[in-house]
Amino acid sequence: MASFPRLLLAAPHRLPFLSGSLGLGVIALWWLVRLAGLHLGWPELPIGALPASLLHAPTLLLLVYPAFIFGFLLTVFPRWMDQPDMEARRFGPVGIGLALGVALSAWGLWTGLDGLVRAGFAVFALAWGLALIVLMQVYALHYRSGQPPCWHALSALIAMAVGLLALGLALAFLVGGDPRPLRWSNVLGLSGCVLPVFLTIAHRMVPFFAGNVVEGYQRWRPDWLLAALWTLLVGRCLADLTLFGPLSALANLGLASVTGLMAWKWWPREAAPGLLKVLTWGFVWAPIGFALATLAGLGLPLGLAPVHALALGFAGSLLVGMVTRVTHGHSGRPLAMARLPWLAFGAVQLAAVLRIVAALRTDQPALLIAAALSFVAGLLPWVLRNALIYLMPRKDGRWG
């Protein structure tokens, strides 16, 4: 039987997905305990100089989600461009750096040691930069071959480059304490990185998957959608950075319209498997979130409701679907939703609804804790199950 280190380097997704899974569980639990200490009088965790409330967003947007994203991109980039799978010597250092960054940051959050949080973010940034180099090498080889551009790969590369800038701004806050770079980081991390990556992957993955499993399904994924999404996302970023409400309303209205069209066109009209249902149901959060952001841009006091509809409802739902599909497909398991993935997906829906309602009710403590508890209770069994899968050989006896 292969050793754990050898298994973790058997495929590009294993170590990053393991890091993301454990990071998601540990950091979500940390946030729940923080809320319980603040609002219920539970024993408080050690506290450093960095406010926990300001660390919540960057740890999710710039550590947890990117760990999963890089595990996915390192796997699919060569396949998108008809190249052989990567060798461990190329993706291994990236996975090790991502894992170390997540571990140090999580340790620092639980112990209140700010230096560990800073070190974790710094190590993760180095691994992020290395991952971009590896992915750009794959794209450069494709470009030199004279084949047509792979727009999905280029879109993902641009988004992850913006994400590295966002991570650098978060590091500037962690080191200097000035909250302004953190606000810019959160804007770019969500609207310039996480959202375009998930929208790009959905544009590539949902019609392709649906066409293989739904009878009579018509695949629809025109290239102009990516250009429209990027144009509108840039407008959204500029509006959020400058706090210009009219531009925010216009950009988000466009995004709500485009993603609403995508959800309608992609919706299966015939019987569909659970994995596809999760992807299409989860995608509906995109037009909902952008519609809420449109109303906020027009002056309605919605608090963080639009942000959580997108960062938790949309991104969280698609994360469950995409990670489950890759985890099952690359471990010799059926491409189907088992009980724990369904539990995780349901928990994301409940947590998103509760967090949006909390935002509309001036962040009532009971609703905040209920949302965090739902998230942890539903996601923790799923991520632990996934972690065990990444530490085990494939069920079909193949290597990878």
Protein backbone atom coordinates (compact mmCIF):
# COMPACT_ATOMS: atom_id res chain seq x y z
CA MET A 1 0.00 0.00 0.00
CA ALA A 2 1.34 3.45 -0.92
CA SER A 3 2.39 5.84 1.85
CA PHE A 4 0.37 8.96 2.64
CA PRO A 5 2.98 11.35 1.12
CA ARG A 6 3.10 9.34 -2.09
CA LEU A 7 -0.69 9.16 -2.28
CA LEU A 8 -1.03 12.90 -1.75
CA LEU A 9 1.21 13.48 -4.78
CA ALA A 10 -0.53 10.86 -6.93
CA ALA A 11 -2.75 13.50 -8.54
CA PRO A 12 -2.72 17.32 -8.63
CA HIS A 13 -5.99 17.73 -6.72
CA ARG A 14 -5.27 15.52 -3.72
CA LEU A 15 -3.10 17.74 -1.50
CA PRO A 16 -4.79 21.08 -2.37
CA PHE A 17 -8.25 19.54 -1.84
CA LEU A 18 -7.08 18.02 1.46
CA SER A 19 -5.75 21.45 2.54
CA GLY A 20 -8.96 23.15 1.47
CA SER A 21 -11.15 20.57 3.18
CA LEU A 22 -9.36 20.65 6.51
CA GLY A 23 -8.94 24.43 6.30
CA LEU A 24 -12.64 24.89 5.61
CA GLY A 25 -13.62 22.74 8.58
CA VAL A 26 -11.12 24.21 11.03
CA ILE A 27 -11.68 27.86 10.07
CA ALA A 28 -15.49 27.52 9.99
CA LEU A 29 -15.37 25.96 13.46
CA TRP A 30 -13.07 28.76 14.65
CA TRP A 31 -15.58 31.37 13.46
CA LEU A 32 -18.45 29.57 15.22
CA VAL A 33 -16.50 29.44 18.49
CA ARG A 34 -15.63 33.13 18.12
CA LEU A 35 -19.29 34.05 17.64
CA ALA A 36 -20.33 31.88 20.59
CA GLY A 37 -17.73 33.53 22.82
CA LEU A 38 -18.83 36.99 21.73
CA HIS A 39 -22.60 36.52 21.99
CA LEU A 40 -23.19 33.54 24.32
CA GLY A 41 -20.47 34.06 26.88
CA TRP A 42 -18.56 30.90 26.00
CA PRO A 43 -14.87 30.79 26.96
CA GLU A 44 -13.01 33.01 24.52
CA LEU A 45 -10.14 31.78 22.41
CA PRO A 46 -6.78 33.55 22.71
CA ILE A 47 -6.95 36.89 20.94
CA GLY A 48 -4.10 38.65 19.14
CA ALA A 49 -3.93 42.22 17.92
CA LEU A 50 -5.65 41.32 14.63
CA PRO A 51 -9.47 41.56 14.97
CA ALA A 52 -11.16 38.23 14.29
CA SER A 53 -14.01 39.97 12.47
CA LEU A 54 -11.56 41.30 9.87
CA LEU A 55 -9.89 37.92 9.33
CA HIS A 56 -13.10 36.04 8.53
CA ALA A 57 -13.45 37.18 4.89
CA PRO A 58 -9.81 36.92 3.71
CA THR A 59 -9.32 33.45 5.19
CA LEU A 60 -12.30 32.15 3.23
CA LEU A 61 -11.78 34.10 0.00
CA LEU A 62 -7.98 33.97 -0.17
CA LEU A 63 -7.02 30.72 1.58
CA VAL A 64 -9.82 28.14 1.58
CA TYR A 65 -11.47 28.73 -1.80
CA PRO A 66 -8.14 29.16 -3.67
CA ALA A 67 -6.80 25.87 -2.27
CA PHE A 68 -9.72 24.07 -3.92
CA ILE A 69 -9.48 26.22 -7.04
CA PHE A 70 -5.81 25.45 -7.62
CA GLY A 71 -6.42 21.74 -7.04
CA PHE A 72 -9.06 21.90 -9.77
CA LEU A 73 -7.06 24.03 -12.22
CA LEU A 74 -3.87 21.98 -11.89
CA THR A 75 -5.97 18.96 -12.83
CA VAL A 76 -8.00 20.36 -15.72
CA PHE A 77 -5.63 22.85 -17.38
CA PRO A 78 -3.69 20.20 -19.32
CA ARG A 79 -6.94 18.42 -20.23
CA TRP A 80 -8.60 21.60 -21.45
CA MET A 81 -5.65 22.08 -23.82
CA ASP A 82 -5.06 18.45 -24.86
CA GLN A 83 -1.81 18.01 -22.95
CA PRO A 84 -0.61 15.14 -20.73
CA ASP A 85 -1.41 15.27 -17.02
CA MET A 86 1.13 17.14 -14.92
CA GLU A 87 3.94 15.33 -13.17
CA ALA A 88 4.29 15.48 -9.40
CA ARG A 89 7.52 17.47 -9.63
CA ARG A 90 5.49 20.35 -11.10
CA PHE A 91 2.36 20.38 -8.95
CA GLY A 92 3.91 18.93 -5.77
CA PRO A 93 5.68 22.10 -4.54
CA VAL A 94 2.49 24.09 -5.12
CA GLY A 95 0.39 21.67 -3.08
CA ILE A 96 2.93 21.57 -0.25
CA GLY A 97 3.08 25.38 -0.09
CA LEU A 98 -0.70 25.74 -0.09
CA ALA A 99 -1.01 23.13 2.68
CA LEU A 100 1.64 24.82 4.82
CA GLY A 101 0.04 28.23 4.34
CA VAL A 102 -3.42 27.02 5.37
CA ALA A 103 -2.02 25.09 8.36
CA LEU A 104 0.00 28.03 9.70
CA SER A 105 -2.89 30.46 9.30
CA ALA A 106 -5.41 28.14 10.97
CA TRP A 107 -3.00 27.51 13.83
CA GLY A 108 -2.53 31.23 14.28
CA LEU A 109 -6.29 31.88 14.30
CA TRP A 110 -6.95 29.32 17.02
CA THR A 111 -3.99 30.36 19.19
CA GLY A 112 -4.22 34.14 18.69
CA LEU A 113 -0.64 34.22 17.40
CA ASP A 114 -0.67 36.94 14.75
CA GLY A 115 2.80 36.02 13.54
CA LEU A 116 1.57 32.59 12.46
CA VAL A 117 -1.34 34.13 10.58
CA ARG A 118 1.04 36.48 8.76
CA ALA A 119 3.45 33.62 8.02
CA GLY A 120 0.62 31.46 6.72
CA PHE A 121 -0.62 34.14 4.35
CA ALA A 122 2.94 34.82 3.16
CA VAL A 123 3.68 31.15 2.46
CA PHE A 124 0.32 30.78 0.72
CA ALA A 125 1.16 33.81 -1.45
CA LEU A 126 4.44 32.21 -2.52
CA ALA A 127 2.65 28.97 -3.41
CA TRP A 128 0.01 30.98 -5.28
CA GLY A 129 2.69 32.68 -7.35
CA LEU A 130 4.33 29.34 -8.13
CA ALA A 131 0.96 27.89 -9.13
CA LEU A 132 0.42 30.76 -11.57
CA ILE A 133 3.83 30.10 -13.14
CA VAL A 134 3.00 26.40 -13.59
CA LEU A 135 -0.42 27.17 -15.09
CA MET A 136 1.01 29.86 -17.38
CA GLN A 137 3.57 27.35 -18.68
CA VAL A 138 0.72 25.05 -19.67
CA TYR A 139 -1.09 27.88 -21.40
CA ALA A 140 2.09 29.09 -23.12
CA LEU A 141 2.68 25.63 -24.59
CA HIS A 142 -0.87 25.65 -25.91
CA TYR A 143 -0.40 29.13 -27.35
CA ARG A 144 2.82 28.15 -29.14
CA SER A 145 1.11 25.14 -30.68
CA GLY A 146 -0.99 27.45 -32.84
CA GLN A 147 -4.30 26.08 -31.60
CA PRO A 148 -7.28 28.40 -30.98
CA PRO A 149 -7.20 30.22 -27.63
CA CYS A 150 -8.58 28.39 -24.62
CA TRP A 151 -10.71 31.20 -23.24
CA HIS A 152 -11.64 29.35 -20.07
CA ALA A 153 -7.98 28.86 -19.16
CA LEU A 154 -7.15 32.50 -19.94
CA SER A 155 -10.12 33.71 -17.90
CA ALA A 156 -9.11 31.59 -14.91
CA LEU A 157 -5.49 32.77 -15.16
CA ILE A 158 -6.53 36.43 -15.15
CA ALA A 159 -8.81 35.88 -12.17
CA MET A 160 -6.12 34.10 -10.17
CA ALA A 161 -3.61 36.86 -10.99
CA VAL A 162 -6.09 39.38 -9.58
CA GLY A 163 -6.47 37.09 -6.59
CA LEU A 164 -2.74 37.20 -5.93
CA LEU A 165 -2.96 41.00 -5.89
CA ALA A 166 -5.82 40.72 -3.41
CA LEU A 167 -3.74 38.40 -1.25
CA GLY A 168 -0.87 40.90 -1.33
CA LEU A 169 -3.22 43.63 -0.13
CA ALA A 170 -4.44 41.38 2.68
CA LEU A 171 -0.81 40.82 3.69
CA ALA A 172 -0.29 44.59 3.73
CA PHE A 173 -3.13 44.85 6.23
CA LEU A 174 -1.80 41.97 8.34
CA VAL A 175 1.65 43.56 8.55
CA GLY A 176 0.76 47.25 8.73
CA GLY A 177 -2.67 47.23 10.36
CA ASP A 178 -4.18 49.75 7.91
CA PRO A 179 -7.73 48.51 7.11
CA ARG A 180 -7.91 50.23 3.71
CA PRO A 181 -5.87 47.58 1.84
CA LEU A 182 -8.11 44.94 3.43
CA ARG A 183 -11.25 46.53 1.98
CA TRP A 184 -9.61 46.61 -1.46
CA SER A 185 -8.46 43.01 -0.92
CA ASN A 186 -11.98 41.82 -0.09
CA VAL A 187 -13.42 43.55 -3.16
CA LEU A 188 -10.82 42.10 -5.53
CA GLY A 189 -10.83 38.72 -3.79
CA LEU A 190 -14.56 38.27 -4.33
CA SER A 191 -15.43 40.18 -7.51
CA GLY A 192 -12.06 39.91 -9.26
CA CYS A 193 -11.08 36.36 -8.33
CA VAL A 194 -13.58 33.99 -6.70
CA LEU A 195 -16.66 35.03 -8.69
CA PRO A 196 -15.00 35.05 -12.14
CA VAL A 197 -13.30 31.71 -11.43
CA PHE A 198 -16.54 30.00 -10.42
CA LEU A 199 -18.44 31.59 -13.28
CA THR A 200 -15.73 30.48 -15.73
CA ILE A 201 -15.67 26.92 -14.42
CA ALA A 202 -19.48 26.75 -14.49
CA HIS A 203 -19.47 28.04 -18.09
CA ARG A 204 -17.11 25.22 -19.04
CA MET A 205 -18.42 22.45 -16.82
CA VAL A 206 -22.20 22.69 -16.51
CA PRO A 207 -23.20 22.49 -20.21
CA PHE A 208 -20.57 19.80 -20.88
CA PHE A 209 -21.67 17.65 -17.92
CA ALA A 210 -25.37 18.17 -18.65
CA GLY A 211 -24.90 17.20 -22.29
CA ASN A 212 -23.48 13.85 -21.16
CA VAL A 213 -26.17 12.93 -18.64
CA VAL A 214 -29.45 14.58 -19.76
CA GLU A 215 -31.30 13.19 -22.75
CA GLY A 216 -31.75 15.69 -25.57
CA TYR A 217 -29.85 18.44 -23.71
CA GLN A 218 -28.68 21.33 -25.90
CA ARG A 219 -25.29 22.62 -24.77
CA TRP A 220 -25.16 26.40 -24.65
CA ARG A 221 -21.96 28.23 -23.72
CA PRO A 222 -21.12 30.98 -26.24
CA ASP A 223 -17.75 32.67 -25.78
CA TRP A 224 -19.35 36.12 -25.62
CA LEU A 225 -20.69 35.22 -22.18
CA LEU A 226 -17.18 35.23 -20.71
CA ALA A 227 -16.46 38.65 -22.24
CA ALA A 228 -19.77 40.03 -20.95
CA LEU A 229 -19.19 38.64 -17.46
CA TRP A 230 -15.68 40.08 -17.27
CA THR A 231 -16.80 43.50 -18.49
CA LEU A 232 -19.54 43.65 -15.89
CA LEU A 233 -17.32 42.27 -13.11
CA VAL A 234 -14.72 44.95 -13.80
CA GLY A 235 -17.49 47.52 -13.51
CA ARG A 236 -18.60 45.95 -10.24
CA CYS A 237 -15.04 46.06 -8.87
CA LEU A 238 -14.60 49.72 -9.83
CA ALA A 239 -17.94 50.61 -8.27
CA ASP A 240 -17.13 48.81 -5.02
CA LEU A 241 -13.64 50.31 -4.82
CA THR A 242 -14.93 53.85 -5.41
CA LEU A 243 -18.23 53.36 -3.53
CA PHE A 244 -20.12 54.71 -6.57
CA GLY A 245 -23.68 53.45 -6.20
CA PRO A 246 -25.04 54.11 -9.71
CA LEU A 247 -22.20 52.17 -11.38
CA SER A 248 -22.68 49.36 -8.86
CA ALA A 249 -26.40 49.16 -9.65
CA LEU A 250 -25.74 49.14 -13.40
CA ALA A 251 -22.99 46.52 -13.30
CA ASN A 252 -24.88 44.24 -10.93
CA LEU A 253 -28.08 44.57 -12.93
CA GLY A 254 -26.15 43.41 -15.98
CA LEU A 255 -24.64 40.51 -14.03
CA ALA A 256 -28.04 39.51 -12.67
CA SER A 257 -29.46 39.52 -16.21
CA VAL A 258 -26.59 37.55 -17.77
CA THR A 259 -26.37 34.94 -14.99
CA GLY A 260 -30.16 34.68 -14.93
CA LEU A 261 -30.08 33.89 -18.65
CA MET A 262 -27.36 31.29 -18.04
CA ALA A 263 -29.38 29.64 -15.26
CA TRP A 264 -32.47 29.47 -17.48
CA LYS A 265 -30.61 28.14 -20.53
CA TRP A 266 -28.69 25.55 -18.48
CA TRP A 267 -31.66 24.29 -16.49
CA PRO A 268 -32.27 20.61 -17.46
CA ARG A 269 -35.74 20.05 -18.90
CA GLU A 270 -35.50 16.27 -18.45
CA ALA A 271 -34.50 14.01 -15.57
CA ALA A 272 -31.03 14.86 -14.24
CA PRO A 273 -28.64 13.26 -11.73
CA GLY A 274 -28.07 14.83 -8.33
CA LEU A 275 -24.64 16.22 -9.19
CA LEU A 276 -26.07 18.25 -12.04
CA LYS A 277 -28.97 19.42 -9.89
CA VAL A 278 -26.54 20.72 -7.29
CA LEU A 279 -24.62 22.68 -9.93
CA THR A 280 -27.73 24.19 -11.53
CA TRP A 281 -29.54 24.87 -8.25
CA GLY A 282 -26.41 26.40 -6.77
CA PHE A 283 -25.90 28.59 -9.83
CA VAL A 284 -29.28 30.27 -9.19
CA TRP A 285 -27.65 32.05 -6.24
CA ALA A 286 -25.66 34.12 -8.76
CA PRO A 287 -28.60 36.10 -10.22
CA ILE A 288 -30.11 36.33 -6.72
CA GLY A 289 -26.89 37.77 -5.27
CA PHE A 290 -26.35 40.21 -8.12
CA ALA A 291 -30.01 41.31 -7.92
CA LEU A 292 -29.56 42.04 -4.21
CA ALA A 293 -26.36 43.96 -5.02
CA THR A 294 -28.32 45.98 -7.60
CA LEU A 295 -30.83 47.00 -4.93
CA ALA A 296 -28.00 47.86 -2.56
CA GLY A 297 -26.42 50.04 -5.24
CA LEU A 298 -29.72 51.90 -5.51
CA GLY A 299 -29.55 52.71 -1.81
CA LEU A 300 -31.52 49.94 -0.08
CA PRO A 301 -29.97 49.07 3.31
CA LEU A 302 -29.19 45.39 2.74
CA GLY A 303 -25.94 45.17 4.71
CA LEU A 304 -23.84 42.18 3.74
CA ALA A 305 -26.77 40.23 2.28
CA PRO A 306 -25.55 40.49 -1.35
CA VAL A 307 -22.01 39.47 -0.37
CA HIS A 308 -23.18 36.35 1.46
CA ALA A 309 -25.60 35.38 -1.30
CA LEU A 310 -22.60 35.30 -3.66
CA ALA A 311 -19.67 34.23 -1.45
CA LEU A 312 -21.64 31.66 0.57
CA GLY A 313 -24.74 30.74 -1.45
CA PHE A 314 -23.27 30.77 -4.97
CA ALA A 315 -19.60 29.95 -4.42
CA GLY A 316 -20.30 27.56 -1.52
CA SER A 317 -22.92 25.61 -3.46
CA LEU A 318 -20.76 25.25 -6.56
CA LEU A 319 -17.80 24.30 -4.37
CA VAL A 320 -19.75 21.35 -2.96
CA GLY A 321 -20.82 20.22 -6.44
CA MET A 322 -17.47 20.64 -8.16
CA VAL A 323 -15.35 19.17 -5.36
CA THR A 324 -17.70 16.20 -5.04
CA ARG A 325 -17.55 15.55 -8.78
CA VAL A 326 -13.75 15.69 -8.92
CA THR A 327 -13.33 13.73 -5.68
CA HIS A 328 -15.63 10.93 -6.82
CA GLY A 329 -14.43 10.86 -10.41
CA HIS A 330 -10.74 10.75 -9.48
CA SER A 331 -11.11 8.15 -6.74
CA GLY A 332 -12.94 5.49 -8.74
CA ARG A 333 -16.33 6.28 -7.19
CA PRO A 334 -19.63 6.80 -9.03
CA LEU A 335 -20.38 10.33 -10.21
CA ALA A 336 -23.30 10.68 -7.83
CA MET A 337 -24.29 12.67 -4.76
CA ALA A 338 -23.98 10.55 -1.63
CA ARG A 339 -25.63 11.41 1.69
CA LEU A 340 -22.84 13.59 3.08
CA PRO A 341 -22.50 15.74 -0.06
CA TRP A 342 -26.28 16.28 0.03
CA LEU A 343 -25.99 17.23 3.71
CA ALA A 344 -23.23 19.70 2.87
CA PHE A 345 -25.23 21.23 0.03
CA GLY A 346 -28.32 21.58 2.19
CA ALA A 347 -26.27 23.15 4.97
CA VAL A 348 -24.87 25.77 2.58
CA GLN A 349 -28.42 26.68 1.48
CA LEU A 350 -29.64 27.04 5.06
CA ALA A 351 -26.55 28.93 6.18
CA ALA A 352 -26.83 31.35 3.25
CA VAL A 353 -30.51 32.05 3.91
CA LEU A 354 -29.93 32.55 7.63
CA ARG A 355 -26.95 34.85 7.02
CA ILE A 356 -28.93 36.94 4.53
CA VAL A 357 -31.84 37.25 6.95
CA ALA A 358 -29.37 38.22 9.68
CA ALA A 359 -27.96 40.96 7.44
CA LEU A 360 -31.46 42.30 6.86
CA ARG A 361 -32.08 42.34 10.63
CA THR A 362 -28.95 44.27 11.66
CA ASP A 363 -26.94 41.10 12.25
CA GLN A 364 -28.96 39.62 15.10
CA PRO A 365 -26.61 37.39 17.13
CA ALA A 366 -28.99 34.42 17.20
CA LEU A 367 -29.20 34.36 13.41
CA LEU A 368 -25.45 34.79 12.98
CA ILE A 369 -24.77 31.84 15.28
CA ALA A 370 -27.48 29.74 13.63
CA ALA A 371 -25.93 30.37 10.21
CA ALA A 372 -22.44 29.49 11.40
CA LEU A 373 -23.71 26.39 13.23
CA SER A 374 -25.59 25.18 10.16
CA PHE A 375 -22.50 25.67 8.03
CA VAL A 376 -20.22 23.76 10.41
CA ALA A 377 -22.66 20.95 11.18
CA GLY A 378 -23.34 20.24 7.52
CA LEU A 379 -19.88 20.82 6.04
CA LEU A 380 -17.69 19.15 8.68
CA PRO A 381 -18.79 15.52 7.98
CA TRP A 382 -18.39 16.14 4.25
CA VAL A 383 -14.88 17.60 4.46
CA LEU A 384 -13.73 14.84 6.84
CA ARG A 385 -15.07 12.19 4.44
CA ASN A 386 -13.27 13.89 1.56
CA ALA A 387 -10.04 14.11 3.56
CA LEU A 388 -10.12 10.35 4.13
CA ILE A 389 -10.64 9.76 0.40
CA TYR A 390 -7.55 11.84 -0.47
CA LEU A 391 -5.51 9.71 1.94
CA MET A 392 -6.66 6.43 0.38
CA PRO A 393 -5.86 4.67 -2.91
CA ARG A 394 -8.46 4.79 -5.69
CA LYS A 395 -11.23 2.23 -5.32
CA ASP A 396 -10.77 1.01 -8.90
CA GLY A 397 -7.11 0.15 -8.33
CA ARG A 398 -5.79 2.77 -10.74
CA TRP A 399 -3.05 5.24 -9.82
CA GLY A 400 -3.95 8.89 -9.45
